[in-house]
Amino acid sequence: MIQALNYIGFSSPRYEEWLTFGPEVLGLQLADRGEDGTVRLRADDAAHRLSIHPGDEHALEYIGWGVHTEEDLAALTQRLTDHGTKVHEGTPEEIADRAVAGMVWFDDPFGIRHELSWGQVRLPGTFHPGRAMSGFITGEQGLGHGVLVVPDIEQADDFFSGVLGFRLSDRIIDPPLNARFYHCNGRHHSLAVAEMPGMAGFQHLMLETRSLDDVGIAYDLCEERGVPIVLTMGRHTNDLTTSFYLYSPAGFHIEYGTGGVTVDDDNWEPATYPKTKIWGHRGTRHRDELPFAILHPVNEGL
């Protein structure tokens, strides 16, 4: 029933840096700010896709998944309840903040907050990139993908696939990396989970552009502005995306890439890969110096 990654929200003491970093480096468009100063960013004609809230520390606040209809939302809510997950109604203020018609939320088995919504507000013909570029691959494929760190990958699979209905795209097992990739639309994966015993959190958000030039320009801008690049340009084995990874001002990594494959459920066969890359994606000194993800011990919550 989940159709796409519709939006995501973080908090950070460096939230105001996104007023320039978001449009000038990533090419996102600034939307109206929240009353508390929250920086909201657009990647297409949706009202906003990415929110950076004021906060004392870097944190993932919520991941927003979209469903088609109010009836789908009710059905998925019931499914979660039947599996013992406590589901909460979004407040009117939260629903307005997310720019949706209706929303519920729940914590996954690892304490990460997920939101389910329908009726995302869209403003056709109004998206203008923050810098010259060809734009982002969104639409039915949603914002991009998010990668979670989980303490137990089998428990994660039981929940995300067995309860929420995400479909396995493939696996990468390259010790110590043990990761699974899931789709809910044509995008190769909207969700991935990587196992790290005793820890939970958020590793990276992927934004997919319409051209390789968009990626190369962003790479140059990062170098010119001193934005930490953690993995150089490279190409993945599983989704064939050409991308690089940077460390954002909100403490999470961003994969900025293009050319990802699409999934056809009628013909797709999940595979297992022993490596993450075909070429490139070399770690820089920043990879060793900066946090790998926004992480907390799982028993302390997020």
C-alpha atoms as a PDB file:
ATOM      1  CA  MET A   1       0.000   0.000   0.000  1.00  0.00           C
ATOM      2  CA  ILE A   2       2.911   2.375   0.566  1.00  0.00           C
ATOM      3  CA  GLN A   3       3.519   4.205  -2.711  1.00  0.00           C
ATOM      4  CA  ALA A   4       6.584   6.384  -2.182  1.00  0.00           C
ATOM      5  CA  LEU A   5       8.892   8.246   0.149  1.00  0.00           C
ATOM      6  CA  ASN A   6       6.965  11.521   0.249  1.00  0.00           C
ATOM      7  CA  TYR A   7       8.956  13.601   2.723  1.00  0.00           C
ATOM      8  CA  ILE A   8      11.506  13.472   5.520  1.00  0.00           C
ATOM      9  CA  GLY A   9      12.368  15.700   8.462  1.00  0.00           C
ATOM     10  CA  PHE A  10      15.469  16.275  10.567  1.00  0.00           C
ATOM     11  CA  SER A  11      16.461  18.650  13.344  1.00  0.00           C
ATOM     12  CA  SER A  12      19.821  20.352  13.656  1.00  0.00           C
ATOM     13  CA  PRO A  13      21.511  23.312  15.346  1.00  0.00           C
ATOM     14  CA  ARG A  14      22.819  24.149  11.859  1.00  0.00           C
ATOM     15  CA  TYR A  15      19.360  24.320  10.284  1.00  0.00           C
ATOM     16  CA  GLU A  16      19.829  27.859   8.939  1.00  0.00           C
ATOM     17  CA  GLU A  17      22.791  26.756   6.820  1.00  0.00           C
ATOM     18  CA  TRP A  18      20.236  24.940   4.659  1.00  0.00           C
ATOM     19  CA  LEU A  19      18.944  28.313   3.456  1.00  0.00           C
ATOM     20  CA  THR A  20      21.995  28.416   1.191  1.00  0.00           C
ATOM     21  CA  PHE A  21      23.225  24.807   1.126  1.00  0.00           C
ATOM     22  CA  GLY A  22      19.868  23.432  -0.036  1.00  0.00           C
ATOM     23  CA  PRO A  23      19.366  25.649  -3.087  1.00  0.00           C
ATOM     24  CA  GLU A  24      22.919  26.632  -4.009  1.00  0.00           C
ATOM     25  CA  VAL A  25      24.611  23.232  -3.683  1.00  0.00           C
ATOM     26  CA  LEU A  26      21.825  20.651  -3.975  1.00  0.00           C
ATOM     27  CA  GLY A  27      19.577  22.639  -6.313  1.00  0.00           C
ATOM     28  CA  LEU A  28      16.515  22.364  -4.077  1.00  0.00           C
ATOM     29  CA  GLN A  29      14.019  25.219  -3.913  1.00  0.00           C
ATOM     30  CA  LEU A  30      13.234  27.037  -0.686  1.00  0.00           C
ATOM     31  CA  ALA A  31       9.613  26.821   0.437  1.00  0.00           C
ATOM     32  CA  ASP A  32       7.899  28.917   3.102  1.00  0.00           C
ATOM     33  CA  ARG A  33       9.625  28.536   6.460  1.00  0.00           C
ATOM     34  CA  GLY A  34       7.872  27.152   9.517  1.00  0.00           C
ATOM     35  CA  GLU A  35       6.819  29.425  12.361  1.00  0.00           C
ATOM     36  CA  ASP A  36       9.724  28.093  14.437  1.00  0.00           C
ATOM     37  CA  GLY A  37      12.202  28.796  11.633  1.00  0.00           C
ATOM     38  CA  THR A  38      12.115  25.327  10.082  1.00  0.00           C
ATOM     39  CA  VAL A  39      13.747  25.348   6.658  1.00  0.00           C
ATOM     40  CA  ARG A  40      11.568  23.594   4.083  1.00  0.00           C
ATOM     41  CA  LEU A  41      12.873  22.515   0.714  1.00  0.00           C
ATOM     42  CA  ARG A  42      11.265  21.411  -2.533  1.00  0.00           C
ATOM     43  CA  ALA A  43      12.486  18.937  -5.156  1.00  0.00           C
ATOM     44  CA  ASP A  44       9.416  19.137  -7.403  1.00  0.00           C
ATOM     45  CA  ASP A  45       5.853  20.488  -7.358  1.00  0.00           C
ATOM     46  CA  ALA A  46       5.068  18.998  -3.936  1.00  0.00           C
ATOM     47  CA  ALA A  47       4.687  21.747  -1.331  1.00  0.00           C
ATOM     48  CA  HIS A  48       7.913  20.561   0.289  1.00  0.00           C
ATOM     49  CA  ARG A  49       9.889  17.338   0.561  1.00  0.00           C
ATOM     50  CA  LEU A  50      12.669  17.976   3.073  1.00  0.00           C
ATOM     51  CA  SER A  51      12.372  19.842   6.387  1.00  0.00           C
ATOM     52  CA  ILE A  52      15.215  20.836   8.698  1.00  0.00           C
ATOM     53  CA  HIS A  53      13.828  21.832  12.095  1.00  0.00           C
ATOM     54  CA  PRO A  54      15.706  23.798  14.775  1.00  0.00           C
ATOM     55  CA  GLY A  55      17.273  21.453  17.326  1.00  0.00           C
ATOM     56  CA  ASP A  56      20.037  21.146  19.881  1.00  0.00           C
ATOM     57  CA  GLU A  57      21.593  18.160  18.098  1.00  0.00           C
ATOM     58  CA  HIS A  58      21.439  16.408  14.750  1.00  0.00           C
ATOM     59  CA  ALA A  59      18.470  14.029  14.717  1.00  0.00           C
ATOM     60  CA  LEU A  60      16.110  12.256  12.362  1.00  0.00           C
ATOM     61  CA  GLU A  61      12.625  13.432  13.329  1.00  0.00           C
ATOM     62  CA  TYR A  62      10.408  11.457  10.938  1.00  0.00           C
ATOM     63  CA  ILE A  63      10.218   9.610   7.629  1.00  0.00           C
ATOM     64  CA  GLY A  64       7.039  10.274   5.649  1.00  0.00           C
ATOM     65  CA  TRP A  65       5.581   7.544   3.430  1.00  0.00           C
ATOM     66  CA  GLY A  66       2.673   8.220   1.088  1.00  0.00           C
ATOM     67  CA  VAL A  67      -0.371   6.090   0.275  1.00  0.00           C
ATOM     68  CA  HIS A  68      -2.942   6.732  -2.442  1.00  0.00           C
ATOM     69  CA  THR A  69      -6.168   7.215  -0.504  1.00  0.00           C
ATOM     70  CA  GLU A  70      -7.689   7.729   2.918  1.00  0.00           C
ATOM     71  CA  GLU A  71      -8.988   4.154   2.700  1.00  0.00           C
ATOM     72  CA  ASP A  72      -5.456   2.860   2.109  1.00  0.00           C
ATOM     73  CA  LEU A  73      -4.300   4.789   5.160  1.00  0.00           C
ATOM     74  CA  ALA A  74      -7.032   3.229   7.289  1.00  0.00           C
ATOM     75  CA  ALA A  75      -6.233  -0.269   6.009  1.00  0.00           C
ATOM     76  CA  LEU A  76      -2.512   0.050   6.680  1.00  0.00           C
ATOM     77  CA  THR A  77      -3.213   1.524  10.106  1.00  0.00           C
ATOM     78  CA  GLN A  78      -5.333  -1.523  10.910  1.00  0.00           C
ATOM     79  CA  ARG A  79      -2.623  -3.855   9.642  1.00  0.00           C
ATOM     80  CA  LEU A  80      -0.045  -2.222  11.909  1.00  0.00           C
ATOM     81  CA  THR A  81      -2.422  -2.388  14.858  1.00  0.00           C
ATOM     82  CA  ASP A  82      -3.106  -6.070  14.210  1.00  0.00           C
ATOM     83  CA  HIS A  83       0.639  -6.713  14.355  1.00  0.00           C
ATOM     84  CA  GLY A  84       0.950  -4.984  17.722  1.00  0.00           C
ATOM     85  CA  THR A  85       2.289  -1.614  16.583  1.00  0.00           C
ATOM     86  CA  LYS A  86       0.763   1.396  18.315  1.00  0.00           C
ATOM     87  CA  VAL A  87      -0.411   3.936  15.738  1.00  0.00           C
ATOM     88  CA  HIS A  88      -1.050   7.589  16.604  1.00  0.00           C
ATOM     89  CA  GLU A  89      -3.207  10.135  14.800  1.00  0.00           C
ATOM     90  CA  GLY A  90      -1.338  13.171  13.542  1.00  0.00           C
ATOM     91  CA  THR A  91      -2.373  16.425  15.176  1.00  0.00           C
ATOM     92  CA  PRO A  92      -3.924  19.185  13.039  1.00  0.00           C
ATOM     93  CA  GLU A  93      -0.685  21.125  13.460  1.00  0.00           C
ATOM     94  CA  GLU A  94       1.435  18.191  12.266  1.00  0.00           C
ATOM     95  CA  ILE A  95      -0.846  17.548   9.297  1.00  0.00           C
ATOM     96  CA  ALA A  96      -0.618  21.208   8.287  1.00  0.00           C
ATOM     97  CA  ASP A  97       3.151  21.206   8.744  1.00  0.00           C
ATOM     98  CA  ARG A  98       3.561  18.150   6.500  1.00  0.00           C
ATOM     99  CA  ALA A  99       1.204  19.626   3.862  1.00  0.00           C
ATOM    100  CA  VAL A 100      -0.965  16.503   3.583  1.00  0.00           C
ATOM    101  CA  ALA A 101      -4.679  15.712   3.911  1.00  0.00           C
ATOM    102  CA  GLY A 102      -4.294  13.123   6.662  1.00  0.00           C
ATOM    103  CA  MET A 103      -1.483  11.472   8.613  1.00  0.00           C
ATOM    104  CA  VAL A 104      -0.755   8.857  11.267  1.00  0.00           C
ATOM    105  CA  TRP A 105       2.561   7.921  12.818  1.00  0.00           C
ATOM    106  CA  PHE A 106       4.236   5.032  14.616  1.00  0.00           C
ATOM    107  CA  ASP A 107       7.640   3.940  15.850  1.00  0.00           C
ATOM    108  CA  ASP A 108       9.269   0.974  14.161  1.00  0.00           C
ATOM    109  CA  PRO A 109      10.823  -1.795  16.315  1.00  0.00           C
ATOM    110  CA  PHE A 110      13.982   0.304  16.638  1.00  0.00           C
ATOM    111  CA  GLY A 111      12.373   3.541  17.800  1.00  0.00           C
ATOM    112  CA  ILE A 112      12.456   5.357  14.454  1.00  0.00           C
ATOM    113  CA  ARG A 113       9.370   7.447  13.738  1.00  0.00           C
ATOM    114  CA  HIS A 114       7.548   6.778  10.473  1.00  0.00           C
ATOM    115  CA  GLU A 115       4.557   8.708   9.177  1.00  0.00           C
ATOM    116  CA  LEU A 116       1.891   7.522   6.738  1.00  0.00           C
ATOM    117  CA  SER A 117      -0.083  10.138   4.840  1.00  0.00           C
ATOM    118  CA  TRP A 118      -2.365  10.695   1.888  1.00  0.00           C
ATOM    119  CA  GLY A 119      -3.262  13.772  -0.160  1.00  0.00           C
ATOM    120  CA  GLN A 120       0.119  15.498  -0.360  1.00  0.00           C
ATOM    121  CA  VAL A 121      -0.283  19.129  -1.409  1.00  0.00           C
ATOM    122  CA  ARG A 122       1.034  19.792  -4.914  1.00  0.00           C
ATOM    123  CA  LEU A 123       1.479  23.073  -6.758  1.00  0.00           C
ATOM    124  CA  PRO A 124       1.774  22.225 -10.471  1.00  0.00           C
ATOM    125  CA  GLY A 125       4.253  24.200 -12.518  1.00  0.00           C
ATOM    126  CA  THR A 126       5.795  26.023  -9.562  1.00  0.00           C
ATOM    127  CA  PHE A 127       9.089  24.199  -8.979  1.00  0.00           C
ATOM    128  CA  HIS A 128      12.183  26.210  -9.805  1.00  0.00           C
ATOM    129  CA  PRO A 129      15.566  24.694  -8.907  1.00  0.00           C
ATOM    130  CA  GLY A 130      17.722  26.716  -6.562  1.00  0.00           C
ATOM    131  CA  ARG A 131      20.504  26.738  -9.160  1.00  0.00           C
ATOM    132  CA  ALA A 132      20.753  25.908 -12.841  1.00  0.00           C
ATOM    133  CA  MET A 133      20.085  22.191 -13.319  1.00  0.00           C
ATOM    134  CA  SER A 134      17.742  19.838 -15.151  1.00  0.00           C
ATOM    135  CA  GLY A 135      15.817  18.780 -12.029  1.00  0.00           C
ATOM    136  CA  PHE A 136      15.143  15.661  -9.975  1.00  0.00           C
ATOM    137  CA  ILE A 137      13.585  12.257 -10.639  1.00  0.00           C
ATOM    138  CA  THR A 138      10.531  12.281  -8.337  1.00  0.00           C
ATOM    139  CA  GLY A 139       6.845  11.964  -9.281  1.00  0.00           C
ATOM    140  CA  GLU A 140       5.573   8.431  -8.721  1.00  0.00           C
ATOM    141  CA  GLN A 141       9.052   7.457  -7.504  1.00  0.00           C
ATOM    142  CA  GLY A 142       8.893   9.878  -4.594  1.00  0.00           C
ATOM    143  CA  LEU A 143      11.658  11.979  -3.082  1.00  0.00           C
ATOM    144  CA  GLY A 144      14.455   9.422  -3.380  1.00  0.00           C
ATOM    145  CA  HIS A 145      15.582   6.821  -0.878  1.00  0.00           C
ATOM    146  CA  GLY A 146      16.533   6.655   2.765  1.00  0.00           C
ATOM    147  CA  VAL A 147      18.941   4.233   4.431  1.00  0.00           C
ATOM    148  CA  LEU A 148      18.369   3.200   8.034  1.00  0.00           C
ATOM    149  CA  VAL A 149      20.797   1.590  10.444  1.00  0.00           C
ATOM    150  CA  VAL A 150      19.171  -1.266  12.362  1.00  0.00           C
ATOM    151  CA  PRO A 151      20.511  -3.625  15.044  1.00  0.00           C
ATOM    152  CA  ASP A 152      18.878  -6.761  13.588  1.00  0.00           C
ATOM    153  CA  ILE A 153      18.367  -7.079   9.839  1.00  0.00           C
ATOM    154  CA  GLU A 154      16.037 -10.080  10.094  1.00  0.00           C
ATOM    155  CA  GLN A 155      13.761  -8.231  12.507  1.00  0.00           C
ATOM    156  CA  ALA A 156      13.848  -5.261  10.145  1.00  0.00           C
ATOM    157  CA  ASP A 157      12.885  -7.481   7.213  1.00  0.00           C
ATOM    158  CA  ASP A 158       9.994  -8.978   9.171  1.00  0.00           C
ATOM    159  CA  PHE A 159       8.635  -5.504   9.859  1.00  0.00           C
ATOM    160  CA  PHE A 160       9.319  -3.549   6.686  1.00  0.00           C
ATOM    161  CA  SER A 161       8.553  -6.375   4.265  1.00  0.00           C
ATOM    162  CA  GLY A 162       6.206  -8.545   6.300  1.00  0.00           C
ATOM    163  CA  VAL A 163       4.098  -5.801   7.864  1.00  0.00           C
ATOM    164  CA  LEU A 164       4.509  -2.662   5.749  1.00  0.00           C
ATOM    165  CA  GLY A 165       4.718  -4.512   2.441  1.00  0.00           C
ATOM    166  CA  PHE A 166       8.017  -3.231   1.039  1.00  0.00           C
ATOM    167  CA  ARG A 167       9.345  -5.569  -1.650  1.00  0.00           C
ATOM    168  CA  LEU A 168      12.919  -6.825  -1.690  1.00  0.00           C
ATOM    169  CA  SER A 169      15.028  -5.528  -4.575  1.00  0.00           C
ATOM    170  CA  ASP A 170      18.330  -7.147  -3.628  1.00  0.00           C
ATOM    171  CA  ARG A 171      21.001  -7.557  -0.978  1.00  0.00           C
ATOM    172  CA  ILE A 172      24.618  -6.505  -0.571  1.00  0.00           C
ATOM    173  CA  ILE A 173      26.734  -8.645   1.731  1.00  0.00           C
ATOM    174  CA  ASP A 174      30.284  -7.306   1.928  1.00  0.00           C
ATOM    175  CA  PRO A 175      31.365  -7.875   5.554  1.00  0.00           C
ATOM    176  CA  PRO A 176      30.970  -6.007   7.777  1.00  0.00           C
ATOM    177  CA  LEU A 177      28.241  -4.551   5.526  1.00  0.00           C
ATOM    178  CA  ASN A 178      24.978  -6.490   5.493  1.00  0.00           C
ATOM    179  CA  ALA A 179      22.277  -4.477   3.721  1.00  0.00           C
ATOM    180  CA  ARG A 180      18.893  -5.041   2.099  1.00  0.00           C
ATOM    181  CA  PHE A 181      17.158  -2.809  -0.408  1.00  0.00           C
ATOM    182  CA  TYR A 182      13.388  -2.464  -0.782  1.00  0.00           C
ATOM    183  CA  HIS A 183      11.084  -0.874  -3.332  1.00  0.00           C
ATOM    184  CA  CYS A 184       7.484   0.303  -3.261  1.00  0.00           C
ATOM    185  CA  ASN A 185       7.364   1.756  -6.790  1.00  0.00           C
ATOM    186  CA  GLY A 186       9.589   1.763  -9.871  1.00  0.00           C
ATOM    187  CA  ARG A 187      12.566   3.246  -8.027  1.00  0.00           C
ATOM    188  CA  HIS A 188      15.099   0.488  -7.339  1.00  0.00           C
ATOM    189  CA  HIS A 189      14.824   1.192  -3.630  1.00  0.00           C
ATOM    190  CA  SER A 190      13.005   3.760  -1.546  1.00  0.00           C
ATOM    191  CA  LEU A 191      14.215   2.129   1.670  1.00  0.00           C
ATOM    192  CA  ALA A 192      17.377   0.279   2.611  1.00  0.00           C
ATOM    193  CA  VAL A 193      18.511  -1.111   5.940  1.00  0.00           C
ATOM    194  CA  ALA A 194      22.070  -1.815   7.057  1.00  0.00           C
ATOM    195  CA  GLU A 195      22.818  -3.911  10.119  1.00  0.00           C
ATOM    196  CA  MET A 196      24.880  -2.545  13.009  1.00  0.00           C
ATOM    197  CA  PRO A 197      24.356  -4.528  16.226  1.00  0.00           C
ATOM    198  CA  GLY A 198      23.216  -2.405  19.151  1.00  0.00           C
ATOM    199  CA  MET A 199      22.654   0.728  17.061  1.00  0.00           C
ATOM    200  CA  ALA A 200      19.817   2.381  15.166  1.00  0.00           C
ATOM    201  CA  GLY A 201      19.569   5.552  13.134  1.00  0.00           C
ATOM    202  CA  PHE A 202      19.750   7.203   9.727  1.00  0.00           C
ATOM    203  CA  GLN A 203      22.669   6.963   7.328  1.00  0.00           C
ATOM    204  CA  HIS A 204      21.862   8.735   4.071  1.00  0.00           C
ATOM    205  CA  LEU A 205      19.236  10.328   1.868  1.00  0.00           C
ATOM    206  CA  MET A 206      19.550   9.879  -1.873  1.00  0.00           C
ATOM    207  CA  LEU A 207      18.509  12.547  -4.377  1.00  0.00           C
ATOM    208  CA  GLU A 208      18.399  11.521  -8.044  1.00  0.00           C
ATOM    209  CA  THR A 209      18.970  14.134 -10.722  1.00  0.00           C
ATOM    210  CA  ARG A 210      18.001  14.033 -14.373  1.00  0.00           C
ATOM    211  CA  SER A 211      21.528  14.243 -15.770  1.00  0.00           C
ATOM    212  CA  LEU A 212      25.120  13.354 -14.985  1.00  0.00           C
ATOM    213  CA  ASP A 213      26.054  16.995 -15.483  1.00  0.00           C
ATOM    214  CA  ASP A 214      23.834  17.918 -12.520  1.00  0.00           C
ATOM    215  CA  VAL A 215      25.849  15.512 -10.380  1.00  0.00           C
ATOM    216  CA  GLY A 216      29.196  16.753 -11.655  1.00  0.00           C
ATOM    217  CA  ILE A 217      28.268  20.381 -11.023  1.00  0.00           C
ATOM    218  CA  ALA A 218      27.251  19.523  -7.458  1.00  0.00           C
ATOM    219  CA  TYR A 219      30.567  17.730  -6.974  1.00  0.00           C
ATOM    220  CA  ASP A 220      32.449  20.824  -8.128  1.00  0.00           C
ATOM    221  CA  LEU A 221      30.361  23.050  -5.860  1.00  0.00           C
ATOM    222  CA  CYS A 222      31.126  20.856  -2.858  1.00  0.00           C
ATOM    223  CA  GLU A 223      34.841  21.096  -3.562  1.00  0.00           C
ATOM    224  CA  GLU A 224      34.671  24.861  -4.099  1.00  0.00           C
ATOM    225  CA  ARG A 225      32.641  25.521  -0.940  1.00  0.00           C
ATOM    226  CA  GLY A 226      34.382  23.081   1.357  1.00  0.00           C
ATOM    227  CA  VAL A 227      31.398  20.743   1.719  1.00  0.00           C
ATOM    228  CA  PRO A 228      32.856  17.426   2.934  1.00  0.00           C
ATOM    229  CA  ILE A 229      32.798  14.724   0.245  1.00  0.00           C
ATOM    230  CA  VAL A 230      32.938  11.339   1.982  1.00  0.00           C
ATOM    231  CA  LEU A 231      32.857   9.074  -1.088  1.00  0.00           C
ATOM    232  CA  THR A 232      34.115  10.151  -4.499  1.00  0.00           C
ATOM    233  CA  MET A 233      32.171   9.674  -7.707  1.00  0.00           C
ATOM    234  CA  GLY A 234      31.396   6.044  -8.439  1.00  0.00           C
ATOM    235  CA  ARG A 235      28.792   3.587  -9.696  1.00  0.00           C
ATOM    236  CA  HIS A 236      26.832   1.081  -7.623  1.00  0.00           C
ATOM    237  CA  THR A 237      26.535  -2.607  -8.450  1.00  0.00           C
ATOM    238  CA  ASN A 238      22.877  -3.063  -7.610  1.00  0.00           C
ATOM    239  CA  ASP A 239      20.962   0.010  -8.796  1.00  0.00           C
ATOM    240  CA  LEU A 240      23.663   1.205 -11.266  1.00  0.00           C
ATOM    241  CA  THR A 241      23.437   4.766  -9.943  1.00  0.00           C
ATOM    242  CA  THR A 242      26.410   7.027 -10.658  1.00  0.00           C
ATOM    243  CA  SER A 243      26.830   9.204  -7.591  1.00  0.00           C
ATOM    244  CA  PHE A 244      28.952  10.688  -4.844  1.00  0.00           C
ATOM    245  CA  TYR A 245      28.331  11.080  -1.118  1.00  0.00           C
ATOM    246  CA  LEU A 246      28.588  14.242   0.938  1.00  0.00           C
ATOM    247  CA  TYR A 247      28.172  15.117   4.600  1.00  0.00           C
ATOM    248  CA  SER A 248      25.288  17.523   5.098  1.00  0.00           C
ATOM    249  CA  PRO A 249      25.007  20.373   7.625  1.00  0.00           C
ATOM    250  CA  ALA A 250      22.367  18.321   9.493  1.00  0.00           C
ATOM    251  CA  GLY A 251      24.650  15.401  10.316  1.00  0.00           C
ATOM    252  CA  PHE A 252      23.415  12.863   7.769  1.00  0.00           C
ATOM    253  CA  HIS A 253      25.009  11.850   4.496  1.00  0.00           C
ATOM    254  CA  ILE A 254      23.503  12.608   1.100  1.00  0.00           C
ATOM    255  CA  GLU A 255      23.980  10.468  -1.976  1.00  0.00           C
ATOM    256  CA  TYR A 256      23.675  12.713  -5.010  1.00  0.00           C
ATOM    257  CA  GLY A 257      23.359  10.693  -8.185  1.00  0.00           C
ATOM    258  CA  THR A 258      21.722   9.850 -11.478  1.00  0.00           C
ATOM    259  CA  GLY A 259      20.858   6.930 -13.745  1.00  0.00           C
ATOM    260  CA  GLY A 260      19.314   4.478 -11.298  1.00  0.00           C
ATOM    261  CA  VAL A 261      17.537   1.436 -12.745  1.00  0.00           C
ATOM    262  CA  THR A 262      13.796   0.965 -12.368  1.00  0.00           C
ATOM    263  CA  VAL A 263      12.092  -2.147 -11.051  1.00  0.00           C
ATOM    264  CA  ASP A 264       9.361  -4.090 -12.838  1.00  0.00           C
ATOM    265  CA  ASP A 265       7.762  -6.447 -10.320  1.00  0.00           C
ATOM    266  CA  ASP A 266       6.604  -8.833 -13.053  1.00  0.00           C
ATOM    267  CA  ASN A 267      10.171  -9.530 -14.152  1.00  0.00           C
ATOM    268  CA  TRP A 268      12.474  -8.424 -11.332  1.00  0.00           C
ATOM    269  CA  GLU A 269      14.510 -11.072  -9.530  1.00  0.00           C
ATOM    270  CA  PRO A 270      16.317 -10.063  -6.312  1.00  0.00           C
ATOM    271  CA  ALA A 271      20.062 -10.714  -6.381  1.00  0.00           C
ATOM    272  CA  THR A 272      22.897 -10.752  -3.862  1.00  0.00           C
ATOM    273  CA  TYR A 273      25.980  -8.628  -4.515  1.00  0.00           C
ATOM    274  CA  PRO A 274      29.367  -9.050  -2.801  1.00  0.00           C
ATOM    275  CA  LYS A 275      30.395  -5.430  -3.421  1.00  0.00           C
ATOM    276  CA  THR A 276      28.703  -2.026  -3.314  1.00  0.00           C
ATOM    277  CA  LYS A 277      30.472  -0.525  -6.309  1.00  0.00           C
ATOM    278  CA  ILE A 278      31.565  -1.238  -9.860  1.00  0.00           C
ATOM    279  CA  TRP A 279      34.087   1.591  -9.765  1.00  0.00           C
ATOM    280  CA  GLY A 280      34.909   4.683  -7.712  1.00  0.00           C
ATOM    281  CA  HIS A 281      33.199   5.570  -4.437  1.00  0.00           C
ATOM    282  CA  ARG A 282      36.585   5.850  -2.780  1.00  0.00           C
ATOM    283  CA  GLY A 283      36.551   7.004   0.804  1.00  0.00           C
ATOM    284  CA  THR A 284      38.123  10.367   1.564  1.00  0.00           C
ATOM    285  CA  ARG A 285      39.639  11.550   4.830  1.00  0.00           C
ATOM    286  CA  HIS A 286      36.218  12.967   5.710  1.00  0.00           C
ATOM    287  CA  ARG A 287      34.756   9.459   5.781  1.00  0.00           C
ATOM    288  CA  ASP A 288      37.111   8.585   8.630  1.00  0.00           C
ATOM    289  CA  GLU A 289      36.801  11.911  10.451  1.00  0.00           C
ATOM    290  CA  LEU A 290      33.029  12.474  10.337  1.00  0.00           C
ATOM    291  CA  PRO A 291      30.168  10.435  11.828  1.00  0.00           C
ATOM    292  CA  PHE A 292      28.992   7.557   9.648  1.00  0.00           C
ATOM    293  CA  ALA A 293      25.344   8.227  10.473  1.00  0.00           C
ATOM    294  CA  ILE A 294      22.996   9.805  12.997  1.00  0.00           C
ATOM    295  CA  LEU A 295      23.201   6.987  15.528  1.00  0.00           C
ATOM    296  CA  HIS A 296      22.044   6.140  19.020  1.00  0.00           C
ATOM    297  CA  PRO A 297      22.265   2.944  21.027  1.00  0.00           C
ATOM    298  CA  VAL A 298      18.984   1.218  20.316  1.00  0.00           C
ATOM    299  CA  ASN A 299      18.069   0.927  23.985  1.00  0.00           C
ATOM    300  CA  GLU A 300      18.244   4.714  24.364  1.00  0.00           C
ATOM    301  CA  GLY A 301      15.844   5.395  21.495  1.00  0.00           C
ATOM    302  CA  LEU A 302      16.219   8.190  18.993  1.00  0.00           C
END
